[in-house]
Structure formats: structure tokens, C-alpha cells
Amino acid sequence: MADAKNQEKGNFFQRTGQRIGKWFREMRSELKKVVWPSRKQLIQNSLVVLLCVLVVGVFIWVFDAVANLVVQGLIGLFN
């Protein structure tokens, strides 16, 4: 009886191939549901991201410069 079940399911490679095929079919089905942004939205969102990165980068740079001055001042005090 166990042999009959194994023959119905197929061997390991057949089962794996079927699972991979099913995964790709489901993925394709889900990708059809995606609402892709227009070119204008894509450019606008990219500019927002770049602006945010620039602002955070400047903030970190200023904070680093101030922290460096504080540390150098403390080192100068104790030397």
C-alpha cells in the first residue's frame, strides 16, 4: 500500500518540479494584481526619497561635526 501511494505522488524530483511550477503560476497570478506606478509617480517618489536621504545625510554630517568639535574641545581641556 505504501508503494502505491509513492507511485501516485511521483518521485522527489517530480513533486519538487510540480511545487516549483505551482509557485511560479501563483506568483504570475499575483503580479497581475499589482498596480504599477505611472512614470510621473515614479519620478516624484524617487525625488522625495532622494531629498529625504540628502536631508538625513546633512543632519548626520552636522551632528558629526559638532560632536567632533566637542570631543576635540574636551581633549584640549584635559591636555
C-alpha atoms as a PDB file:
ATOM      1  CA  MET A   1       0.000   0.000   0.000  1.00  0.00           C
ATOM      2  CA  ALA A   2       2.856   2.387   0.764  1.00  0.00           C
ATOM      3  CA  ASP A   3       4.318   1.673  -2.684  1.00  0.00           C
ATOM      4  CA  ALA A   4       1.010   2.618  -4.329  1.00  0.00           C
ATOM      5  CA  LYS A   5       0.964   5.997  -2.535  1.00  0.00           C
ATOM      6  CA  ASN A   6       4.552   6.761  -3.551  1.00  0.00           C
ATOM      7  CA  GLN A   7       3.794   5.901  -7.175  1.00  0.00           C
ATOM      8  CA  GLU A   8       0.748   8.198  -7.200  1.00  0.00           C
ATOM      9  CA  LYS A   9       2.707  11.148  -5.858  1.00  0.00           C
ATOM     10  CA  GLY A  10       5.725  10.597  -8.085  1.00  0.00           C
ATOM     11  CA  ASN A  11       9.329  10.684  -7.040  1.00  0.00           C
ATOM     12  CA  PHE A  12      11.061  13.524  -5.226  1.00  0.00           C
ATOM     13  CA  PHE A  13      12.071  15.354  -8.397  1.00  0.00           C
ATOM     14  CA  GLN A  14       8.581  15.218  -9.880  1.00  0.00           C
ATOM     15  CA  ARG A  15       6.994  16.532  -6.680  1.00  0.00           C
ATOM     16  CA  THR A  16       9.604  19.281  -6.404  1.00  0.00           C
ATOM     17  CA  GLY A  17       9.100  20.263 -10.036  1.00  0.00           C
ATOM     18  CA  GLN A  18       5.338  20.406  -9.527  1.00  0.00           C
ATOM     19  CA  ARG A  19       5.742  22.589  -6.437  1.00  0.00           C
ATOM     20  CA  ILE A  20       8.095  24.966  -8.242  1.00  0.00           C
ATOM     21  CA  GLY A  21       5.714  25.167 -11.200  1.00  0.00           C
ATOM     22  CA  LYS A  22       2.797  25.898  -8.877  1.00  0.00           C
ATOM     23  CA  TRP A  23       4.819  28.616  -7.139  1.00  0.00           C
ATOM     24  CA  PHE A  24       5.599  30.329 -10.466  1.00  0.00           C
ATOM     25  CA  ARG A  25       1.951  30.146 -11.581  1.00  0.00           C
ATOM     26  CA  GLU A  26       0.798  31.682  -8.294  1.00  0.00           C
ATOM     27  CA  MET A  27       3.491  34.367  -8.469  1.00  0.00           C
ATOM     28  CA  ARG A  28       2.450  35.295 -12.013  1.00  0.00           C
ATOM     29  CA  SER A  29      -1.174  35.458 -10.888  1.00  0.00           C
ATOM     30  CA  GLU A  30      -0.282  37.794  -8.012  1.00  0.00           C
ATOM     31  CA  LEU A  31       1.867  40.036 -10.226  1.00  0.00           C
ATOM     32  CA  LYS A  32      -1.135  40.626 -12.476  1.00  0.00           C
ATOM     33  CA  LYS A  33      -2.908  42.175  -9.476  1.00  0.00           C
ATOM     34  CA  VAL A  34      -0.137  44.719  -8.808  1.00  0.00           C
ATOM     35  CA  VAL A  35      -0.936  48.334  -9.647  1.00  0.00           C
ATOM     36  CA  TRP A  36       2.304  49.704 -11.055  1.00  0.00           C
ATOM     37  CA  PRO A  37       3.028  53.438 -10.632  1.00  0.00           C
ATOM     38  CA  SER A  38       2.967  55.764 -13.606  1.00  0.00           C
ATOM     39  CA  ARG A  39       6.169  57.359 -14.847  1.00  0.00           C
ATOM     40  CA  LYS A  40       5.206  60.659 -13.185  1.00  0.00           C
ATOM     41  CA  GLN A  41       4.549  58.955  -9.822  1.00  0.00           C
ATOM     42  CA  LEU A  42       7.807  57.038 -10.079  1.00  0.00           C
ATOM     43  CA  ILE A  43       9.840  60.197 -10.704  1.00  0.00           C
ATOM     44  CA  GLN A  44       8.027  62.103  -7.958  1.00  0.00           C
ATOM     45  CA  ASN A  45       8.517  59.327  -5.390  1.00  0.00           C
ATOM     46  CA  SER A  46      12.176  58.933  -6.363  1.00  0.00           C
ATOM     47  CA  LEU A  47      12.766  62.665  -5.862  1.00  0.00           C
ATOM     48  CA  VAL A  48      11.110  62.515  -2.431  1.00  0.00           C
ATOM     49  CA  VAL A  49      13.360  59.622  -1.423  1.00  0.00           C
ATOM     50  CA  LEU A  50      16.497  61.376  -2.697  1.00  0.00           C
ATOM     51  CA  LEU A  51      15.532  64.579  -0.866  1.00  0.00           C
ATOM     52  CA  CYS A  52      14.976  62.657   2.387  1.00  0.00           C
ATOM     53  CA  VAL A  53      18.317  60.900   2.016  1.00  0.00           C
ATOM     54  CA  LEU A  54      20.017  64.249   1.413  1.00  0.00           C
ATOM     55  CA  VAL A  55      18.358  65.875   4.452  1.00  0.00           C
ATOM     56  CA  VAL A  56      19.248  62.972   6.748  1.00  0.00           C
ATOM     57  CA  GLY A  57      22.802  62.925   5.362  1.00  0.00           C
ATOM     58  CA  VAL A  58      23.259  66.646   6.068  1.00  0.00           C
ATOM     59  CA  PHE A  59      21.803  66.212   9.561  1.00  0.00           C
ATOM     60  CA  ILE A  60      24.244  63.377  10.326  1.00  0.00           C
ATOM     61  CA  TRP A  61      27.138  65.372   8.864  1.00  0.00           C
ATOM     62  CA  VAL A  62      26.306  68.408  11.055  1.00  0.00           C
ATOM     63  CA  PHE A  63      25.863  66.227  14.139  1.00  0.00           C
ATOM     64  CA  ASP A  64      29.209  64.535  13.452  1.00  0.00           C
ATOM     65  CA  ALA A  65      30.968  67.889  13.015  1.00  0.00           C
ATOM     66  CA  VAL A  66      29.520  69.237  16.281  1.00  0.00           C
ATOM     67  CA  ALA A  67      30.386  66.029  18.147  1.00  0.00           C
ATOM     68  CA  ASN A  68      33.922  66.196  16.748  1.00  0.00           C
ATOM     69  CA  LEU A  69      34.303  69.793  17.984  1.00  0.00           C
ATOM     70  CA  VAL A  70      33.031  68.796  21.441  1.00  0.00           C
ATOM     71  CA  VAL A  71      35.432  65.853  21.673  1.00  0.00           C
ATOM     72  CA  GLN A  72      38.369  67.940  20.450  1.00  0.00           C
ATOM     73  CA  GLY A  73      37.449  70.648  22.993  1.00  0.00           C
ATOM     74  CA  LEU A  74      37.359  68.107  25.820  1.00  0.00           C
ATOM     75  CA  ILE A  75      40.690  66.643  24.741  1.00  0.00           C
ATOM     76  CA  GLY A  76      42.176  70.172  24.642  1.00  0.00           C
ATOM     77  CA  LEU A  77      40.824  70.880  28.135  1.00  0.00           C
ATOM     78  CA  PHE A  78      42.474  67.857  29.702  1.00  0.00           C
ATOM     79  CA  ASN A  79      45.802  68.110  27.855  1.00  0.00           C
END
